Amino acid sequence: MSDEETIKLKVDLSIGLANAKQEDVIDSGILKADWDAMTNDKRDEAARVAWEEWAWEYIEGGWDVVGA
């Protein structure tokens, strides 16, 4: 395990209902030195991936056929 600092991200997820919002601060696992070397586009992509992995921990749903 590395003693190097990693980037923390404040993330949120909302489904558009009152009080239906989840917020956290997560460890992206990206080393600060690597983050500093990334372009803005690479940072956006890395943060999006980290957010998606976090968000899928909260998303659950399903579907049924009705009226067929």
PDB file of N, CA and C in Angstrom:
ATOM      1  N   MET A   1       0.848  -1.187   0.000  1.00  0.00           N
ATOM      2  CA  MET A   1       0.000   0.000   0.000  1.00  0.00           C
ATOM      3  C   MET A   1       0.888   1.242   0.000  1.00  0.00           C
ATOM      4  N   SER A   2       0.499   2.213  -0.790  1.00  0.00           N
ATOM      5  CA  SER A   2       1.308   3.418  -0.951  1.00  0.00           C
ATOM      6  C   SER A   2       0.958   4.453   0.113  1.00  0.00           C
ATOM      7  N   ASP A   3       1.974   5.208   0.536  1.00  0.00           N
ATOM      8  CA  ASP A   3       1.755   6.304   1.468  1.00  0.00           C
ATOM      9  C   ASP A   3       1.484   7.612   0.731  1.00  0.00           C
ATOM     10  N   GLU A   4       1.424   7.553  -0.607  1.00  0.00           N
ATOM     11  CA  GLU A   4       1.228   8.764  -1.385  1.00  0.00           C
ATOM     12  C   GLU A   4      -0.222   9.245  -1.290  1.00  0.00           C
ATOM     13  N   GLU A   5      -0.380  10.559  -1.336  1.00  0.00           N
ATOM     14  CA  GLU A   5      -1.703  11.175  -1.247  1.00  0.00           C
ATOM     15  C   GLU A   5      -2.522  10.873  -2.498  1.00  0.00           C
ATOM     16  N   THR A   6      -3.807  10.600  -2.290  1.00  0.00           N
ATOM     17  CA  THR A   6      -4.717  10.370  -3.408  1.00  0.00           C
ATOM     18  C   THR A   6      -5.759  11.485  -3.467  1.00  0.00           C
ATOM     19  N   ILE A   7      -6.384  11.617  -4.603  1.00  0.00           N
ATOM     20  CA  ILE A   7      -7.383  12.654  -4.839  1.00  0.00           C
ATOM     21  C   ILE A   7      -8.726  12.211  -4.264  1.00  0.00           C
ATOM     22  N   LYS A   8      -9.335  13.100  -3.489  1.00  0.00           N
ATOM     23  CA  LYS A   8     -10.676  12.878  -2.948  1.00  0.00           C
ATOM     24  C   LYS A   8     -11.661  13.685  -3.786  1.00  0.00           C
ATOM     25  N   LEU A   9     -12.819  13.120  -4.015  1.00  0.00           N
ATOM     26  CA  LEU A   9     -13.848  13.783  -4.808  1.00  0.00           C
ATOM     27  C   LEU A   9     -15.136  13.891  -4.003  1.00  0.00           C
ATOM     28  N   LYS A  10     -15.767  15.058  -4.026  1.00  0.00           N
ATOM     29  CA  LYS A  10     -17.103  15.197  -3.463  1.00  0.00           C
ATOM     30  C   LYS A  10     -18.066  14.833  -4.582  1.00  0.00           C
ATOM     31  N   VAL A  11     -18.920  13.853  -4.337  1.00  0.00           N
ATOM     32  CA  VAL A  11     -19.828  13.347  -5.363  1.00  0.00           C
ATOM     33  C   VAL A  11     -21.267  13.435  -4.858  1.00  0.00           C
ATOM     34  N   ASP A  12     -22.193  13.506  -5.802  1.00  0.00           N
ATOM     35  CA  ASP A  12     -23.598  13.493  -5.413  1.00  0.00           C
ATOM     36  C   ASP A  12     -24.432  12.816  -6.487  1.00  0.00           C
ATOM     37  N   LEU A  13     -25.622  12.396  -6.068  1.00  0.00           N
ATOM     38  CA  LEU A  13     -26.559  11.709  -6.942  1.00  0.00           C
ATOM     39  C   LEU A  13     -27.952  12.145  -6.534  1.00  0.00           C
ATOM     40  N   SER A  14     -28.760  12.558  -7.506  1.00  0.00           N
ATOM     41  CA  SER A  14     -30.120  12.991  -7.235  1.00  0.00           C
ATOM     42  C   SER A  14     -31.040  12.380  -8.271  1.00  0.00           C
ATOM     43  N   ILE A  15     -32.256  12.031  -7.832  1.00  0.00           N
ATOM     44  CA  ILE A  15     -33.228  11.494  -8.781  1.00  0.00           C
ATOM     45  C   ILE A  15     -34.358  12.477  -9.052  1.00  0.00           C
ATOM     46  N   GLY A  16     -34.194  13.713  -8.638  1.00  0.00           N
ATOM     47  CA  GLY A  16     -35.156  14.750  -8.964  1.00  0.00           C
ATOM     48  C   GLY A  16     -36.346  14.836  -8.025  1.00  0.00           C
ATOM     49  N   LEU A  17     -36.322  14.176  -6.900  1.00  0.00           N
ATOM     50  CA  LEU A  17     -37.382  14.273  -5.899  1.00  0.00           C
ATOM     51  C   LEU A  17     -36.858  15.018  -4.681  1.00  0.00           C
ATOM     52  N   ALA A  18     -37.752  15.666  -3.968  1.00  0.00           N
ATOM     53  CA  ALA A  18     -37.343  16.374  -2.753  1.00  0.00           C
ATOM     54  C   ALA A  18     -36.668  15.405  -1.793  1.00  0.00           C
ATOM     55  N   ASN A  19     -35.546  15.816  -1.260  1.00  0.00           N
ATOM     56  CA  ASN A  19     -34.770  15.022  -0.291  1.00  0.00           C
ATOM     57  C   ASN A  19     -34.252  13.700  -0.845  1.00  0.00           C
ATOM     58  N   ALA A  20     -34.234  13.548  -2.156  1.00  0.00           N
ATOM     59  CA  ALA A  20     -33.738  12.310  -2.764  1.00  0.00           C
ATOM     60  C   ALA A  20     -32.352  12.560  -3.341  1.00  0.00           C
ATOM     61  N   LYS A  21     -31.418  12.877  -2.455  1.00  0.00           N
ATOM     62  CA  LYS A  21     -30.057  13.185  -2.886  1.00  0.00           C
ATOM     63  C   LYS A  21     -29.079  12.493  -1.959  1.00  0.00           C
ATOM     64  N   GLN A  22     -28.047  11.927  -2.526  1.00  0.00           N
ATOM     65  CA  GLN A  22     -26.977  11.279  -1.775  1.00  0.00           C
ATOM     66  C   GLN A  22     -25.688  12.026  -2.072  1.00  0.00           C
ATOM     67  N   GLU A  23     -24.937  12.365  -1.032  1.00  0.00           N
ATOM     68  CA  GLU A  23     -23.646  13.032  -1.198  1.00  0.00           C
ATOM     69  C   GLU A  23     -22.597  12.288  -0.384  1.00  0.00           C
ATOM     70  N   ASP A  24     -21.400  12.225  -0.900  1.00  0.00           N
ATOM     71  CA  ASP A  24     -20.275  11.590  -0.212  1.00  0.00           C
ATOM     72  C   ASP A  24     -18.983  12.261  -0.646  1.00  0.00           C
ATOM     73  N   VAL A  25     -17.946  12.014   0.098  1.00  0.00           N
ATOM     74  CA  VAL A  25     -16.585  12.312  -0.330  1.00  0.00           C
ATOM     75  C   VAL A  25     -15.922  10.958  -0.477  1.00  0.00           C
ATOM     76  N   ILE A  26     -15.415  10.694  -1.676  1.00  0.00           N
ATOM     77  CA  ILE A  26     -14.815   9.390  -1.952  1.00  0.00           C
ATOM     78  C   ILE A  26     -13.338   9.545  -2.296  1.00  0.00           C
ATOM     79  N   ASP A  27     -12.616   8.484  -2.060  1.00  0.00           N
ATOM     80  CA  ASP A  27     -11.212   8.421  -2.463  1.00  0.00           C
ATOM     81  C   ASP A  27     -11.193   7.867  -3.877  1.00  0.00           C
ATOM     82  N   SER A  28     -10.708   8.649  -4.808  1.00  0.00           N
ATOM     83  CA  SER A  28     -10.698   8.232  -6.214  1.00  0.00           C
ATOM     84  C   SER A  28      -9.672   7.142  -6.482  1.00  0.00           C
ATOM     85  N   GLY A  29      -8.693   7.007  -5.599  1.00  0.00           N
ATOM     86  CA  GLY A  29      -7.614   6.058  -5.831  1.00  0.00           C
ATOM     87  C   GLY A  29      -6.543   6.585  -6.777  1.00  0.00           C
ATOM     88  N   ILE A  30      -6.740   7.803  -7.268  1.00  0.00           N
ATOM     89  CA  ILE A  30      -5.786   8.412  -8.198  1.00  0.00           C
ATOM     90  C   ILE A  30      -4.733   9.163  -7.386  1.00  0.00           C
ATOM     91  N   LEU A  31      -3.489   8.822  -7.605  1.00  0.00           N
ATOM     92  CA  LEU A  31      -2.415   9.507  -6.906  1.00  0.00           C
ATOM     93  C   LEU A  31      -2.372  10.980  -7.307  1.00  0.00           C
ATOM     94  N   LYS A  32      -2.088  11.837  -6.338  1.00  0.00           N
ATOM     95  CA  LYS A  32      -2.025  13.277  -6.601  1.00  0.00           C
ATOM     96  C   LYS A  32      -1.027  13.582  -7.712  1.00  0.00           C
ATOM     97  N   ALA A  33       0.108  12.918  -7.709  1.00  0.00           N
ATOM     98  CA  ALA A  33       1.117  13.157  -8.754  1.00  0.00           C
ATOM     99  C   ALA A  33       0.567  12.800 -10.135  1.00  0.00           C
ATOM    100  N   ASP A  34      -0.210  11.717 -10.217  1.00  0.00           N
ATOM    101  CA  ASP A  34      -0.815  11.336 -11.495  1.00  0.00           C
ATOM    102  C   ASP A  34      -1.875  12.350 -11.915  1.00  0.00           C
ATOM    103  N   TRP A  35      -2.685  12.802 -10.941  1.00  0.00           N
ATOM    104  CA  TRP A  35      -3.727  13.799 -11.208  1.00  0.00           C
ATOM    105  C   TRP A  35      -3.096  15.076 -11.747  1.00  0.00           C
ATOM    106  N   ASP A  36      -2.014  15.502 -11.103  1.00  0.00           N
ATOM    107  CA  ASP A  36      -1.340  16.737 -11.514  1.00  0.00           C
ATOM    108  C   ASP A  36      -0.802  16.637 -12.940  1.00  0.00           C
ATOM    109  N   ALA A  37      -0.468  15.426 -13.365  1.00  0.00           N
ATOM    110  CA  ALA A  37       0.084  15.228 -14.710  1.00  0.00           C
ATOM    111  C   ALA A  37      -0.998  15.092 -15.779  1.00  0.00           C
ATOM    112  N   MET A  38      -2.259  14.948 -15.367  1.00  0.00           N
ATOM    113  CA  MET A  38      -3.359  14.749 -16.323  1.00  0.00           C
ATOM    114  C   MET A  38      -3.795  16.071 -16.950  1.00  0.00           C
ATOM    115  N   THR A  39      -4.273  15.970 -18.180  1.00  0.00           N
ATOM    116  CA  THR A  39      -4.938  17.109 -18.809  1.00  0.00           C
ATOM    117  C   THR A  39      -6.319  17.257 -18.171  1.00  0.00           C
ATOM    118  N   ASN A  40      -6.967  18.393 -18.395  1.00  0.00           N
ATOM    119  CA  ASN A  40      -8.317  18.585 -17.875  1.00  0.00           C
ATOM    120  C   ASN A  40      -9.284  17.526 -18.401  1.00  0.00           C
ATOM    121  N   ASP A  41      -9.141  17.154 -19.676  1.00  0.00           N
ATOM    122  CA  ASP A  41     -10.008  16.119 -20.243  1.00  0.00           C
ATOM    123  C   ASP A  41      -9.804  14.778 -19.549  1.00  0.00           C
ATOM    124  N   LYS A  42      -8.559  14.419 -19.265  1.00  0.00           N
ATOM    125  CA  LYS A  42      -8.273  13.158 -18.568  1.00  0.00           C
ATOM    126  C   LYS A  42      -8.803  13.194 -17.140  1.00  0.00           C
ATOM    127  N   ARG A  43      -8.699  14.354 -16.490  1.00  0.00           N
ATOM    128  CA  ARG A  43      -9.246  14.501 -15.129  1.00  0.00           C
ATOM    129  C   ARG A  43     -10.753  14.309 -15.149  1.00  0.00           C
ATOM    130  N   ASP A  44     -11.424  14.957 -16.113  1.00  0.00           N
ATOM    131  CA  ASP A  44     -12.875  14.811 -16.227  1.00  0.00           C
ATOM    132  C   ASP A  44     -13.269  13.355 -16.420  1.00  0.00           C
ATOM    133  N   GLU A  45     -12.555  12.660 -17.280  1.00  0.00           N
ATOM    134  CA  GLU A  45     -12.849  11.247 -17.547  1.00  0.00           C
ATOM    135  C   GLU A  45     -12.617  10.396 -16.294  1.00  0.00           C
ATOM    136  N   ALA A  46     -11.503  10.605 -15.616  1.00  0.00           N
ATOM    137  CA  ALA A  46     -11.194   9.826 -14.418  1.00  0.00           C
ATOM    138  C   ALA A  46     -12.217  10.091 -13.312  1.00  0.00           C
ATOM    139  N   ALA A  47     -12.613  11.335 -13.148  1.00  0.00           N
ATOM    140  CA  ALA A  47     -13.612  11.679 -12.133  1.00  0.00           C
ATOM    141  C   ALA A  47     -14.970  11.092 -12.498  1.00  0.00           C
ATOM    142  N   ARG A  48     -15.319  11.116 -13.774  1.00  0.00           N
ATOM    143  CA  ARG A  48     -16.591  10.536 -14.220  1.00  0.00           C
ATOM    144  C   ARG A  48     -16.631   9.043 -13.930  1.00  0.00           C
ATOM    145  N   VAL A  49     -15.550   8.348 -14.213  1.00  0.00           N
ATOM    146  CA  VAL A  49     -15.478   6.903 -13.953  1.00  0.00           C
ATOM    147  C   VAL A  49     -15.622   6.623 -12.456  1.00  0.00           C
ATOM    148  N   ALA A  50     -14.918   7.391 -11.636  1.00  0.00           N
ATOM    149  CA  ALA A  50     -15.014   7.207 -10.182  1.00  0.00           C
ATOM    150  C   ALA A  50     -16.433   7.487  -9.702  1.00  0.00           C
ATOM    151  N   TRP A  51     -17.068   8.542 -10.237  1.00  0.00           N
ATOM    152  CA  TRP A  51     -18.446   8.856  -9.863  1.00  0.00           C
ATOM    153  C   TRP A  51     -19.393   7.737 -10.274  1.00  0.00           C
ATOM    154  N   GLU A  52     -19.247   7.225 -11.498  1.00  0.00           N
ATOM    155  CA  GLU A  52     -20.133   6.153 -11.967  1.00  0.00           C
ATOM    156  C   GLU A  52     -20.014   4.910 -11.089  1.00  0.00           C
ATOM    157  N   GLU A  53     -18.792   4.542 -10.733  1.00  0.00           N
ATOM    158  CA  GLU A  53     -18.605   3.375  -9.859  1.00  0.00           C
ATOM    159  C   GLU A  53     -19.288   3.597  -8.518  1.00  0.00           C
ATOM    160  N   TRP A  54     -19.165   4.807  -7.962  1.00  0.00           N
ATOM    161  CA  TRP A  54     -19.815   5.139  -6.703  1.00  0.00           C
ATOM    162  C   TRP A  54     -21.339   5.131  -6.856  1.00  0.00           C
ATOM    163  N   ALA A  55     -21.848   5.776  -7.911  1.00  0.00           N
ATOM    164  CA  ALA A  55     -23.287   5.922  -8.106  1.00  0.00           C
ATOM    165  C   ALA A  55     -23.979   4.569  -8.262  1.00  0.00           C
ATOM    166  N   TRP A  56     -23.348   3.629  -8.949  1.00  0.00           N
ATOM    167  CA  TRP A  56     -23.971   2.322  -9.155  1.00  0.00           C
ATOM    168  C   TRP A  56     -24.174   1.567  -7.849  1.00  0.00           C
ATOM    169  N   GLU A  57     -23.484   1.961  -6.788  1.00  0.00           N
ATOM    170  CA  GLU A  57     -23.708   1.348  -5.479  1.00  0.00           C
ATOM    171  C   GLU A  57     -25.061   1.762  -4.897  1.00  0.00           C
ATOM    172  N   TYR A  58     -25.652   2.842  -5.417  1.00  0.00           N
ATOM    173  CA  TYR A  58     -26.919   3.369  -4.904  1.00  0.00           C
ATOM    174  C   TYR A  58     -28.093   3.133  -5.838  1.00  0.00           C
ATOM    175  N   ILE A  59     -27.833   2.716  -7.057  1.00  0.00           N
ATOM    176  CA  ILE A  59     -28.895   2.580  -8.056  1.00  0.00           C
ATOM    177  C   ILE A  59     -29.380   1.136  -8.092  1.00  0.00           C
ATOM    178  N   GLU A  60     -30.679   1.014  -7.930  1.00  0.00           N
ATOM    179  CA  GLU A  60     -31.308  -0.294  -8.011  1.00  0.00           C
ATOM    180  C   GLU A  60     -32.673  -0.081  -8.640  1.00  0.00           C
ATOM    181  N   GLY A  61     -33.098  -0.978  -9.439  1.00  0.00           N
ATOM    182  CA  GLY A  61     -34.406  -0.825 -10.077  1.00  0.00           C
ATOM    183  C   GLY A  61     -34.741  -2.044 -10.899  1.00  0.00           C
ATOM    184  N   GLY A  62     -35.815  -1.974 -11.599  1.00  0.00           N
ATOM    185  CA  GLY A  62     -36.255  -3.086 -12.426  1.00  0.00           C
ATOM    186  C   GLY A  62     -37.425  -2.645 -13.282  1.00  0.00           C
ATOM    187  N   TRP A  63     -38.034  -3.591 -13.932  1.00  0.00           N
ATOM    188  CA  TRP A  63     -39.156  -3.286 -14.810  1.00  0.00           C
ATOM    189  C   TRP A  63     -40.054  -4.511 -14.920  1.00  0.00           C
ATOM    190  N   ASP A  64     -41.301  -4.272 -15.277  1.00  0.00           N
ATOM    191  CA  ASP A  64     -42.293  -5.320 -15.541  1.00  0.00           C
ATOM    192  C   ASP A  64     -43.115  -4.887 -16.748  1.00  0.00           C
ATOM    193  N   VAL A  65     -43.574  -5.848 -17.524  1.00  0.00           N
ATOM    194  CA  VAL A  65     -44.475  -5.567 -18.647  1.00  0.00           C
ATOM    195  C   VAL A  65     -45.881  -5.370 -18.089  1.00  0.00           C
ATOM    196  N   VAL A  66     -46.541  -4.312 -18.483  1.00  0.00           N
ATOM    197  CA  VAL A  66     -47.915  -4.068 -18.069  1.00  0.00           C
ATOM    198  C   VAL A  66     -48.782  -3.830 -19.314  1.00  0.00           C
ATOM    199  N   GLY A  67     -49.970  -4.319 -19.270  1.00  0.00           N
ATOM    200  CA  GLY A  67     -50.923  -4.060 -20.341  1.00  0.00           C
ATOM    201  C   GLY A  67     -50.591  -4.737 -21.651  1.00  0.00           C
ATOM    202  N   ALA A  68     -49.853  -5.840 -21.640  1.00  0.00           N
ATOM    203  CA  ALA A  68     -49.539  -6.523 -22.898  1.00  0.00           C
ATOM    204  C   ALA A  68     -50.626  -7.498 -23.272  1.00  0.00           C
TER     205      ALA A  68
END
